[in-house]
Amino acid sequence: MEVNIRALSGRITVTVRDDGVGCPSEVNSGLGTRLISLLTSQMNGNMARVPLPRFCEVQVMVSVLPT
């Protein structure tokens, strides 16, 4: 697993990439996914799942500047 945190132009992006079998074609909304989505939306951000050939990558982007 790889975790990357970047800050750029008032936004923080946290990227988590695993080295498993890739993202499933249909995503079940489990408790962890729901919690991340709720917290991200409260911080005026978004979450994206990026399917890659051999990996699954999830990106969480939030603003650190007041809106």
PDB file of N, CA and C in Angstrom:
ATOM      1  N   MET A   1       0.845  -1.173   0.000  1.00  0.00           N
ATOM      2  CA  MET A   1       0.000   0.000   0.000  1.00  0.00           C
ATOM      3  C   MET A   1       0.888   1.233   0.000  1.00  0.00           C
ATOM      4  N   GLU A   2       0.437   2.240  -0.704  1.00  0.00           N
ATOM      5  CA  GLU A   2       1.178   3.499  -0.819  1.00  0.00           C
ATOM      6  C   GLU A   2       0.241   4.647  -0.449  1.00  0.00           C
ATOM      7  N   VAL A   3       0.718   5.553   0.401  1.00  0.00           N
ATOM      8  CA  VAL A   3      -0.053   6.726   0.802  1.00  0.00           C
ATOM      9  C   VAL A   3       0.761   7.962   0.452  1.00  0.00           C
ATOM     10  N   ASN A   4       0.107   8.914  -0.209  1.00  0.00           N
ATOM     11  CA  ASN A   4       0.775  10.140  -0.634  1.00  0.00           C
ATOM     12  C   ASN A   4      -0.088  11.326  -0.203  1.00  0.00           C
ATOM     13  N   ILE A   5       0.527  12.323   0.406  1.00  0.00           N
ATOM     14  CA  ILE A   5      -0.189  13.529   0.829  1.00  0.00           C
ATOM     15  C   ILE A   5       0.491  14.734   0.180  1.00  0.00           C
ATOM     16  N   ARG A   6      -0.319  15.552  -0.534  1.00  0.00           N
ATOM     17  CA  ARG A   6       0.214  16.735  -1.214  1.00  0.00           C
ATOM     18  C   ARG A   6      -0.625  17.948  -0.864  1.00  0.00           C
ATOM     19  N   ALA A   7       0.040  19.084  -0.759  1.00  0.00           N
ATOM     20  CA  ALA A   7      -0.648  20.362  -0.564  1.00  0.00           C
ATOM     21  C   ALA A   7      -0.295  21.253  -1.743  1.00  0.00           C
ATOM     22  N   LEU A   8      -1.323  21.808  -2.395  1.00  0.00           N
ATOM     23  CA  LEU A   8      -1.101  22.652  -3.554  1.00  0.00           C
ATOM     24  C   LEU A   8      -2.269  23.609  -3.709  1.00  0.00           C
ATOM     25  N   SER A   9      -1.989  24.881  -3.806  1.00  0.00           N
ATOM     26  CA  SER A   9      -2.993  25.917  -4.065  1.00  0.00           C
ATOM     27  C   SER A   9      -4.176  25.852  -3.108  1.00  0.00           C
ATOM     28  N   GLY A  10      -3.900  25.698  -1.829  1.00  0.00           N
ATOM     29  CA  GLY A  10      -4.966  25.717  -0.843  1.00  0.00           C
ATOM     30  C   GLY A  10      -5.771  24.443  -0.741  1.00  0.00           C
ATOM     31  N   ARG A  11      -5.296  23.374  -1.371  1.00  0.00           N
ATOM     32  CA  ARG A  11      -5.990  22.083  -1.299  1.00  0.00           C
ATOM     33  C   ARG A  11      -5.007  21.004  -0.851  1.00  0.00           C
ATOM     34  N   ILE A  12      -5.529  20.066  -0.089  1.00  0.00           N
ATOM     35  CA  ILE A  12      -4.744  18.902   0.316  1.00  0.00           C
ATOM     36  C   ILE A  12      -5.337  17.682  -0.371  1.00  0.00           C
ATOM     37  N   THR A  13      -4.467  16.885  -0.972  1.00  0.00           N
ATOM     38  CA  THR A  13      -4.891  15.654  -1.616  1.00  0.00           C
ATOM     39  C   THR A  13      -4.208  14.484  -0.928  1.00  0.00           C
ATOM     40  N   VAL A  14      -5.018  13.541  -0.467  1.00  0.00           N
ATOM     41  CA  VAL A  14      -4.511  12.310   0.122  1.00  0.00           C
ATOM     42  C   VAL A  14      -4.837  11.191  -0.855  1.00  0.00           C
ATOM     43  N   THR A  15      -3.806  10.499  -1.320  1.00  0.00           N
ATOM     44  CA  THR A  15      -3.976   9.408  -2.272  1.00  0.00           C
ATOM     45  C   THR A  15      -3.536   8.108  -1.622  1.00  0.00           C
ATOM     46  N   VAL A  16      -4.409   7.103  -1.684  1.00  0.00           N
ATOM     47  CA  VAL A  16      -4.091   5.775  -1.158  1.00  0.00           C
ATOM     48  C   VAL A  16      -4.203   4.800  -2.317  1.00  0.00           C
ATOM     49  N   ARG A  17      -3.136   4.060  -2.562  1.00  0.00           N
ATOM     50  CA  ARG A  17      -3.116   3.081  -3.660  1.00  0.00           C
ATOM     51  C   ARG A  17      -2.721   1.723  -3.075  1.00  0.00           C
ATOM     52  N   ASP A  18      -3.523   0.711  -3.384  1.00  0.00           N
ATOM     53  CA  ASP A  18      -3.167  -0.626  -2.931  1.00  0.00           C
ATOM     54  C   ASP A  18      -2.571  -1.413  -4.084  1.00  0.00           C
ATOM     55  N   ASP A  19      -1.984  -2.538  -3.768  1.00  0.00           N
ATOM     56  CA  ASP A  19      -1.371  -3.373  -4.806  1.00  0.00           C
ATOM     57  C   ASP A  19      -2.120  -4.687  -4.934  1.00  0.00           C
ATOM     58  N   GLY A  20      -3.437  -4.611  -4.782  1.00  0.00           N
ATOM     59  CA  GLY A  20      -4.270  -5.806  -4.866  1.00  0.00           C
ATOM     60  C   GLY A  20      -4.725  -6.087  -6.279  1.00  0.00           C
ATOM     61  N   VAL A  21      -5.939  -6.579  -6.402  1.00  0.00           N
ATOM     62  CA  VAL A  21      -6.472  -7.018  -7.687  1.00  0.00           C
ATOM     63  C   VAL A  21      -7.122  -5.893  -8.484  1.00  0.00           C
ATOM     64  N   GLY A  22      -7.123  -4.700  -7.963  1.00  0.00           N
ATOM     65  CA  GLY A  22      -7.734  -3.574  -8.660  1.00  0.00           C
ATOM     66  C   GLY A  22      -9.071  -3.210  -8.047  1.00  0.00           C
ATOM     67  N   CYS A  23      -9.681  -2.140  -8.553  1.00  0.00           N
ATOM     68  CA  CYS A  23     -10.979  -1.695  -8.035  1.00  0.00           C
ATOM     69  C   CYS A  23     -12.081  -2.599  -8.567  1.00  0.00           C
ATOM     70  N   PRO A  24     -13.043  -2.927  -7.725  1.00  0.00           N
ATOM     71  CA  PRO A  24     -14.176  -3.697  -8.235  1.00  0.00           C
ATOM     72  C   PRO A  24     -15.001  -2.843  -9.195  1.00  0.00           C
ATOM     73  N   SER A  25     -15.644  -3.499 -10.152  1.00  0.00           N
ATOM     74  CA  SER A  25     -16.446  -2.753 -11.130  1.00  0.00           C
ATOM     75  C   SER A  25     -17.650  -2.109 -10.464  1.00  0.00           C
ATOM     76  N   GLU A  26     -18.208  -2.758  -9.455  1.00  0.00           N
ATOM     77  CA  GLU A  26     -19.313  -2.184  -8.707  1.00  0.00           C
ATOM     78  C   GLU A  26     -18.864  -1.947  -7.279  1.00  0.00           C
ATOM     79  N   VAL A  27     -18.985  -0.725  -6.826  1.00  0.00           N
ATOM     80  CA  VAL A  27     -18.490  -0.359  -5.508  1.00  0.00           C
ATOM     81  C   VAL A  27     -19.608  -0.474  -4.485  1.00  0.00           C
ATOM     82  N   ASN A  28     -19.365  -1.296  -3.465  1.00  0.00           N
ATOM     83  CA  ASN A  28     -20.307  -1.370  -2.354  1.00  0.00           C
ATOM     84  C   ASN A  28     -20.009  -0.217  -1.417  1.00  0.00           C
ATOM     85  N   SER A  29     -21.048   0.431  -0.953  1.00  0.00           N
ATOM     86  CA  SER A  29     -20.862   1.558  -0.056  1.00  0.00           C
ATOM     87  C   SER A  29     -20.842   1.046   1.380  1.00  0.00           C
ATOM     88  N   GLY A  30     -19.674   0.611   1.815  1.00  0.00           N
ATOM     89  CA  GLY A  30     -19.516   0.115   3.170  1.00  0.00           C
ATOM     90  C   GLY A  30     -19.389   1.254   4.154  1.00  0.00           C
ATOM     91  N   LEU A  31     -19.268   0.907   5.408  1.00  0.00           N
ATOM     92  CA  LEU A  31     -19.186   1.909   6.461  1.00  0.00           C
ATOM     93  C   LEU A  31     -17.990   2.833   6.272  1.00  0.00           C
ATOM     94  N   GLY A  32     -16.827   2.284   5.937  1.00  0.00           N
ATOM     95  CA  GLY A  32     -15.632   3.107   5.743  1.00  0.00           C
ATOM     96  C   GLY A  32     -15.803   4.112   4.620  1.00  0.00           C
ATOM     97  N   THR A  33     -16.358   3.661   3.496  1.00  0.00           N
ATOM     98  CA  THR A  33     -16.582   4.550   2.356  1.00  0.00           C
ATOM     99  C   THR A  33     -17.576   5.641   2.710  1.00  0.00           C
ATOM    100  N   ARG A  34     -18.636   5.283   3.417  1.00  0.00           N
ATOM    101  CA  ARG A  34     -19.636   6.278   3.819  1.00  0.00           C
ATOM    102  C   ARG A  34     -19.036   7.306   4.770  1.00  0.00           C
ATOM    103  N   LEU A  35     -18.223   6.851   5.728  1.00  0.00           N
ATOM    104  CA  LEU A  35     -17.595   7.782   6.673  1.00  0.00           C
ATOM    105  C   LEU A  35     -16.655   8.752   5.962  1.00  0.00           C
ATOM    106  N   ILE A  36     -15.831   8.231   5.052  1.00  0.00           N
ATOM    107  CA  ILE A  36     -14.912   9.094   4.311  1.00  0.00           C
ATOM    108  C   ILE A  36     -15.689  10.099   3.466  1.00  0.00           C
ATOM    109  N   SER A  37     -16.750   9.652   2.828  1.00  0.00           N
ATOM    110  CA  SER A  37     -17.570  10.554   2.006  1.00  0.00           C
ATOM    111  C   SER A  37     -18.204  11.646   2.853  1.00  0.00           C
ATOM    112  N   LEU A  38     -18.739  11.294   4.015  1.00  0.00           N
ATOM    113  CA  LEU A  38     -19.364  12.294   4.889  1.00  0.00           C
ATOM    114  C   LEU A  38     -18.346  13.306   5.400  1.00  0.00           C
ATOM    115  N   LEU A  39     -17.210  12.833   5.867  1.00  0.00           N
ATOM    116  CA  LEU A  39     -16.178  13.738   6.371  1.00  0.00           C
ATOM    117  C   LEU A  39     -15.639  14.638   5.273  1.00  0.00           C
ATOM    118  N   THR A  40     -15.443  14.065   4.090  1.00  0.00           N
ATOM    119  CA  THR A  40     -14.931  14.841   2.958  1.00  0.00           C
ATOM    120  C   THR A  40     -15.919  15.931   2.560  1.00  0.00           C
ATOM    121  N   SER A  41     -17.207  15.606   2.510  1.00  0.00           N
ATOM    122  CA  SER A  41     -18.199  16.610   2.118  1.00  0.00           C
ATOM    123  C   SER A  41     -18.316  17.707   3.177  1.00  0.00           C
ATOM    124  N   GLN A  42     -18.141  17.368   4.460  1.00  0.00           N
ATOM    125  CA  GLN A  42     -18.172  18.387   5.509  1.00  0.00           C
ATOM    126  C   GLN A  42     -16.998  19.351   5.370  1.00  0.00           C
ATOM    127  N   MET A  43     -15.923  18.908   4.743  1.00  0.00           N
ATOM    128  CA  MET A  43     -14.742  19.752   4.557  1.00  0.00           C
ATOM    129  C   MET A  43     -14.712  20.375   3.161  1.00  0.00           C
ATOM    130  N   ASN A  44     -15.876  20.390   2.478  1.00  0.00           N
ATOM    131  CA  ASN A  44     -16.001  20.943   1.124  1.00  0.00           C
ATOM    132  C   ASN A  44     -15.013  20.292   0.160  1.00  0.00           C
ATOM    133  N   GLY A  45     -14.890  18.997   0.238  1.00  0.00           N
ATOM    134  CA  GLY A  45     -13.972  18.268  -0.629  1.00  0.00           C
ATOM    135  C   GLY A  45     -14.705  17.215  -1.427  1.00  0.00           C
ATOM    136  N   ASN A  46     -13.938  16.336  -2.032  1.00  0.00           N
ATOM    137  CA  ASN A  46     -14.534  15.218  -2.760  1.00  0.00           C
ATOM    138  C   ASN A  46     -13.617  14.011  -2.710  1.00  0.00           C
ATOM    139  N   MET A  47     -14.191  12.881  -3.024  1.00  0.00           N
ATOM    140  CA  MET A  47     -13.468  11.616  -3.038  1.00  0.00           C
ATOM    141  C   MET A  47     -13.646  10.990  -4.409  1.00  0.00           C
ATOM    142  N   ALA A  48     -12.569  10.437  -4.937  1.00  0.00           N
ATOM    143  CA  ALA A  48     -12.630   9.784  -6.248  1.00  0.00           C
ATOM    144  C   ALA A  48     -11.914   8.444  -6.176  1.00  0.00           C
ATOM    145  N   ARG A  49     -12.516   7.454  -6.799  1.00  0.00           N
ATOM    146  CA  ARG A  49     -11.896   6.132  -6.910  1.00  0.00           C
ATOM    147  C   ARG A  49     -11.369   6.010  -8.339  1.00  0.00           C
ATOM    148  N   VAL A  50     -10.091   5.672  -8.461  1.00  0.00           N
ATOM    149  CA  VAL A  50      -9.439   5.601  -9.767  1.00  0.00           C
ATOM    150  C   VAL A  50      -9.058   4.151 -10.042  1.00  0.00           C
ATOM    151  N   PRO A  51      -9.777   3.485 -10.950  1.00  0.00           N
ATOM    152  CA  PRO A  51      -9.403   2.103 -11.273  1.00  0.00           C
ATOM    153  C   PRO A  51      -8.167   2.082 -12.165  1.00  0.00           C
ATOM    154  N   LEU A  52      -7.193   1.303 -11.777  1.00  0.00           N
ATOM    155  CA  LEU A  52      -5.965   1.129 -12.537  1.00  0.00           C
ATOM    156  C   LEU A  52      -5.828  -0.355 -12.884  1.00  0.00           C
ATOM    157  N   PRO A  53      -5.027  -0.715 -13.871  1.00  0.00           N
ATOM    158  CA  PRO A  53      -4.953  -2.117 -14.305  1.00  0.00           C
ATOM    159  C   PRO A  53      -4.675  -3.121 -13.174  1.00  0.00           C
ATOM    160  N   ARG A  54      -3.720  -2.822 -12.304  1.00  0.00           N
ATOM    161  CA  ARG A  54      -3.395  -3.766 -11.244  1.00  0.00           C
ATOM    162  C   ARG A  54      -3.583  -3.190  -9.853  1.00  0.00           C
ATOM    163  N   PHE A  55      -4.096  -1.999  -9.762  1.00  0.00           N
ATOM    164  CA  PHE A  55      -4.201  -1.330  -8.476  1.00  0.00           C
ATOM    165  C   PHE A  55      -5.577  -0.699  -8.329  1.00  0.00           C
ATOM    166  N   CYS A  56      -5.854  -0.239  -7.126  1.00  0.00           N
ATOM    167  CA  CYS A  56      -7.022   0.595  -6.882  1.00  0.00           C
ATOM    168  C   CYS A  56      -6.509   1.829  -6.145  1.00  0.00           C
ATOM    169  N   GLU A  57      -6.919   2.983  -6.603  1.00  0.00           N
ATOM    170  CA  GLU A  57      -6.456   4.227  -6.010  1.00  0.00           C
ATOM    171  C   GLU A  57      -7.658   5.052  -5.584  1.00  0.00           C
ATOM    172  N   VAL A  58      -7.588   5.586  -4.371  1.00  0.00           N
ATOM    173  CA  VAL A  58      -8.641   6.464  -3.859  1.00  0.00           C
ATOM    174  C   VAL A  58      -7.993   7.800  -3.527  1.00  0.00           C
ATOM    175  N   GLN A  59      -8.602   8.873  -4.013  1.00  0.00           N
ATOM    176  CA  GLN A  59      -8.095  10.218  -3.764  1.00  0.00           C
ATOM    177  C   GLN A  59      -9.140  11.002  -2.980  1.00  0.00           C
ATOM    178  N   VAL A  60      -8.683  11.647  -1.909  1.00  0.00           N
ATOM    179  CA  VAL A  60      -9.534  12.526  -1.129  1.00  0.00           C
ATOM    180  C   VAL A  60      -8.925  13.917  -1.220  1.00  0.00           C
ATOM    181  N   MET A  61      -9.718  14.881  -1.702  1.00  0.00           N
ATOM    182  CA  MET A  61      -9.248  16.249  -1.875  1.00  0.00           C
ATOM    183  C   MET A  61     -10.094  17.184  -1.033  1.00  0.00           C
ATOM    184  N   VAL A  62      -9.439  17.993  -0.200  1.00  0.00           N
ATOM    185  CA  VAL A  62     -10.152  18.953   0.647  1.00  0.00           C
ATOM    186  C   VAL A  62      -9.470  20.318   0.559  1.00  0.00           C
ATOM    187  N   SER A  63     -10.273  21.335   0.772  1.00  0.00           N
ATOM    188  CA  SER A  63      -9.770  22.702   0.757  1.00  0.00           C
ATOM    189  C   SER A  63      -9.302  23.075   2.157  1.00  0.00           C
ATOM    190  N   VAL A  64      -8.181  23.759   2.228  1.00  0.00           N
ATOM    191  CA  VAL A  64      -7.674  24.209   3.522  1.00  0.00           C
ATOM    192  C   VAL A  64      -7.850  25.717   3.690  1.00  0.00           C
ATOM    193  N   LEU A  65      -8.408  26.341   2.670  1.00  0.00           N
ATOM    194  CA  LEU A  65      -8.687  27.775   2.745  1.00  0.00           C
ATOM    195  C   LEU A  65     -10.158  27.965   3.085  1.00  0.00           C
ATOM    196  N   PRO A  66     -10.503  28.965   3.886  1.00  0.00           N
ATOM    197  CA  PRO A  66     -11.910  29.189   4.211  1.00  0.00           C
ATOM    198  C   PRO A  66     -12.709  29.541   2.952  1.00  0.00           C
ATOM    199  N   THR A  67     -13.950  29.043   2.912  1.00  0.00           N
ATOM    200  CA  THR A  67     -14.812  29.323   1.759  1.00  0.00           C
ATOM    201  C   THR A  67     -15.849  30.357   2.088  1.00  0.00           C
TER     202      THR A  67
END
